[in-house]
Amino acid sequence: MKPKKYISTLLNGIFILTVLLFVFDRLTSFEIKNQEIKSLTYFGLMVVTPMTLVWNLWTLKTRKWKIISLIPPTLALIGIIIIGPIKIMFSSGSWKTQTVLYQNGHLTFKKVEFQMQDVGALGYNKRTVEVIYLTDLFMIVSSVEKDIDERVEWIKVDKEVNELGLKFP
């Protein structure tokens, strides 16, 4: 394989993976729990998109492949401009568990948690959600039902986790 073709395949593969992770994290209930992966995805999207656009513009020879390969990075760049790079940077913080409120009696990876997200100088976002952990890196979140106290499968635990490492007086 020629070096240009190898670099092109690698760069386009990284671009597609970054865009997929970003879209899943922003538009679905699938979320990235690991801060390093989330930062790499969000900041990588803003760096890899123009790189891929320029690389595909200069290295591809045929007009057909050039047009086909320029469409995804161009759409991603337009999306970045519409959302705004600053908004993307501020939303690159992952949600950290502060308290596990309820544990599912049947499934140990299903919990109701109070979570916080550090947004820098803007403070913290807070939420209470039902979480299904796929791995330590990824999770699926959904809203908490109001009658959770009355449901049999939920066990109240009130376990303090403090993943943000906040110090209380």
Protein backbone atom coordinates (compact mmCIF):
# COMPACT_ATOMS: atom_id res chain seq x y z
CA MET A 1 0.00 0.00 0.00
CA LYS A 2 1.32 3.43 -0.90
CA PRO A 3 2.04 5.86 1.95
CA LYS A 4 -0.51 8.43 0.70
CA LYS A 5 -3.22 5.78 0.47
CA TYR A 6 -2.33 4.45 3.94
CA ILE A 7 -2.43 7.94 5.48
CA SER A 8 -5.67 8.72 3.66
CA THR A 9 -7.34 5.53 4.92
CA LEU A 10 -6.13 6.13 8.48
CA LEU A 11 -7.18 9.80 8.53
CA ASN A 12 -10.62 9.09 7.07
CA GLY A 13 -11.11 6.20 9.52
CA ILE A 14 -10.25 8.42 12.49
CA PHE A 15 -12.57 11.11 11.11
CA ILE A 16 -15.50 8.67 10.76
CA LEU A 17 -14.94 7.22 14.27
CA THR A 18 -14.74 10.72 15.78
CA VAL A 19 -17.91 11.88 14.03
CA LEU A 20 -19.82 8.74 15.04
CA LEU A 21 -18.82 9.06 18.72
CA PHE A 22 -19.69 12.78 18.69
CA VAL A 23 -23.10 12.23 17.08
CA PHE A 24 -23.98 9.35 19.42
CA ASP A 25 -22.91 11.35 22.47
CA ARG A 26 -24.79 14.52 21.47
CA LEU A 27 -27.97 13.15 19.89
CA THR A 28 -28.76 9.85 21.62
CA SER A 29 -28.95 8.52 25.17
CA PHE A 30 -25.52 6.90 24.64
CA GLU A 31 -22.87 8.89 26.50
CA ILE A 32 -19.11 8.76 26.89
CA LYS A 33 -18.24 8.38 30.59
CA ASN A 34 -14.45 8.52 30.29
CA GLN A 35 -13.17 12.12 30.26
CA GLU A 36 -10.13 11.39 28.09
CA ILE A 37 -12.17 9.72 25.34
CA LYS A 38 -14.81 12.46 25.44
CA SER A 39 -12.22 15.25 25.20
CA LEU A 40 -10.40 13.40 22.44
CA THR A 41 -13.69 13.02 20.56
CA TYR A 42 -14.85 16.63 20.92
CA PHE A 43 -11.50 18.36 20.35
CA GLY A 44 -10.50 15.75 17.78
CA LEU A 45 -13.61 16.55 15.77
CA MET A 46 -12.57 20.19 15.54
CA VAL A 47 -9.00 19.28 14.50
CA VAL A 48 -9.49 16.19 12.30
CA THR A 49 -12.35 17.64 10.22
CA PRO A 50 -10.33 20.43 8.53
CA MET A 51 -7.32 18.12 8.24
CA THR A 52 -9.40 15.48 6.46
CA LEU A 53 -10.99 18.08 4.21
CA VAL A 54 -7.64 19.50 3.10
CA TRP A 55 -5.97 16.08 2.80
CA ASN A 56 -8.77 14.68 0.62
CA LEU A 57 -8.78 17.81 -1.51
CA TRP A 58 -5.05 17.62 -2.29
CA THR A 59 -4.31 13.90 -2.42
CA LEU A 60 -7.22 12.32 -4.27
CA LYS A 61 -6.74 12.29 -8.03
CA THR A 62 -10.08 11.43 -9.62
CA ARG A 63 -12.86 13.99 -9.59
CA LYS A 64 -15.47 11.41 -8.55
CA TRP A 65 -13.59 10.30 -5.40
CA LYS A 66 -12.60 13.86 -4.59
CA ILE A 67 -16.25 14.99 -4.55
CA ILE A 68 -17.43 11.93 -2.62
CA SER A 69 -14.70 12.27 0.01
CA LEU A 70 -15.21 16.03 0.47
CA ILE A 71 -18.92 15.80 1.36
CA PRO A 72 -18.65 14.30 4.92
CA PRO A 73 -15.89 16.64 6.17
CA THR A 74 -17.67 19.64 4.66
CA LEU A 75 -20.95 18.70 6.37
CA ALA A 76 -19.09 18.15 9.65
CA LEU A 77 -17.39 21.54 9.33
CA ILE A 78 -20.73 23.22 8.70
CA GLY A 79 -22.11 21.43 11.79
CA ILE A 80 -19.19 22.66 13.90
CA ILE A 81 -19.78 26.22 12.71
CA ILE A 82 -23.53 25.99 13.42
CA ILE A 83 -23.07 24.51 16.91
CA GLY A 84 -20.12 26.75 17.65
CA PRO A 85 -16.61 25.71 18.72
CA ILE A 86 -16.99 27.36 22.14
CA LYS A 87 -20.20 25.44 22.86
CA ILE A 88 -18.50 22.21 21.79
CA MET A 89 -15.55 22.93 24.11
CA PHE A 90 -17.83 23.67 27.08
CA SER A 91 -19.83 20.49 26.53
CA SER A 92 -16.73 18.30 26.35
CA GLY A 93 -16.82 17.56 30.08
CA SER A 94 -18.12 14.14 31.03
CA TRP A 95 -20.80 13.60 33.65
CA LYS A 96 -19.38 12.35 36.96
CA THR A 97 -21.32 10.41 39.56
CA GLN A 98 -21.63 12.14 42.90
CA THR A 99 -24.18 9.86 44.59
CA VAL A 100 -25.69 6.49 43.70
CA LEU A 101 -29.29 6.88 44.89
CA TYR A 102 -30.78 3.52 43.87
CA GLN A 103 -29.38 0.17 42.75
CA ASN A 104 -31.40 -2.25 40.65
CA GLY A 105 -31.90 -5.50 42.56
CA HIS A 106 -31.72 -7.66 39.43
CA LEU A 107 -29.09 -5.89 37.31
CA THR A 108 -25.97 -4.59 39.07
CA PHE A 109 -25.00 -2.32 36.14
CA LYS A 110 -28.30 -0.40 36.30
CA LYS A 111 -28.45 2.48 38.80
CA VAL A 112 -30.11 5.80 39.53
CA GLU A 113 -27.45 8.43 40.09
CA PHE A 114 -27.05 12.08 40.91
CA GLN A 115 -24.41 13.37 38.49
CA MET A 116 -22.56 16.63 37.97
CA GLN A 117 -20.65 18.03 34.99
CA ASP A 118 -17.87 20.58 35.39
CA VAL A 119 -18.27 23.38 32.84
CA GLY A 120 -15.24 25.38 33.95
CA ALA A 121 -15.83 28.94 35.09
CA LEU A 122 -19.56 28.53 34.44
CA GLY A 123 -19.92 26.16 37.42
CA TYR A 124 -21.57 22.74 37.37
CA ASN A 125 -24.51 21.16 35.57
CA LYS A 126 -26.54 18.76 37.72
CA ARG A 127 -28.93 15.91 36.90
CA THR A 128 -30.52 12.79 38.33
CA VAL A 129 -30.72 9.96 35.78
CA GLU A 130 -31.15 6.23 35.40
CA VAL A 131 -27.84 4.83 34.12
CA ILE A 132 -27.02 1.57 32.39
CA TYR A 133 -23.25 1.03 32.26
CA LEU A 134 -22.08 -0.68 29.09
CA THR A 135 -18.44 -0.51 30.24
CA ASP A 136 -16.45 1.86 32.43
CA LEU A 137 -16.09 4.03 29.31
CA PHE A 138 -19.67 4.23 28.00
CA MET A 139 -23.17 4.42 29.47
CA ILE A 140 -26.80 4.81 28.43
CA VAL A 141 -28.85 7.36 30.37
CA SER A 142 -32.58 7.94 30.62
CA SER A 143 -34.86 10.09 32.73
CA VAL A 144 -35.89 8.88 36.17
CA GLU A 145 -39.48 7.83 36.74
CA LYS A 146 -41.35 9.67 39.49
CA ASP A 147 -42.61 6.52 41.26
CA ILE A 148 -39.17 4.97 41.69
CA ASP A 149 -39.55 4.77 45.50
CA GLU A 150 -42.57 2.49 45.12
CA ARG A 151 -41.04 0.07 42.62
CA VAL A 152 -39.82 -3.26 43.93
CA GLU A 153 -36.71 -3.71 41.76
CA TRP A 154 -35.02 -0.55 43.08
CA ILE A 155 -33.08 -0.67 46.36
CA LYS A 156 -32.25 2.66 48.02
CA VAL A 157 -28.48 2.85 48.71
CA ASP A 158 -27.51 6.59 48.93
CA LYS A 159 -23.84 5.74 48.34
CA GLU A 160 -21.52 8.77 48.10
CA VAL A 161 -19.07 8.40 45.19
CA ASN A 162 -17.80 11.99 44.56
CA GLU A 163 -16.01 11.34 41.26
CA LEU A 164 -15.39 15.08 40.83
CA GLY A 165 -13.44 15.12 44.09
CA LEU A 166 -15.34 18.06 45.53
CA LYS A 167 -14.48 19.03 49.09
CA PHE A 168 -17.31 19.98 51.37
CA PRO A 169 -16.79 22.17 54.46
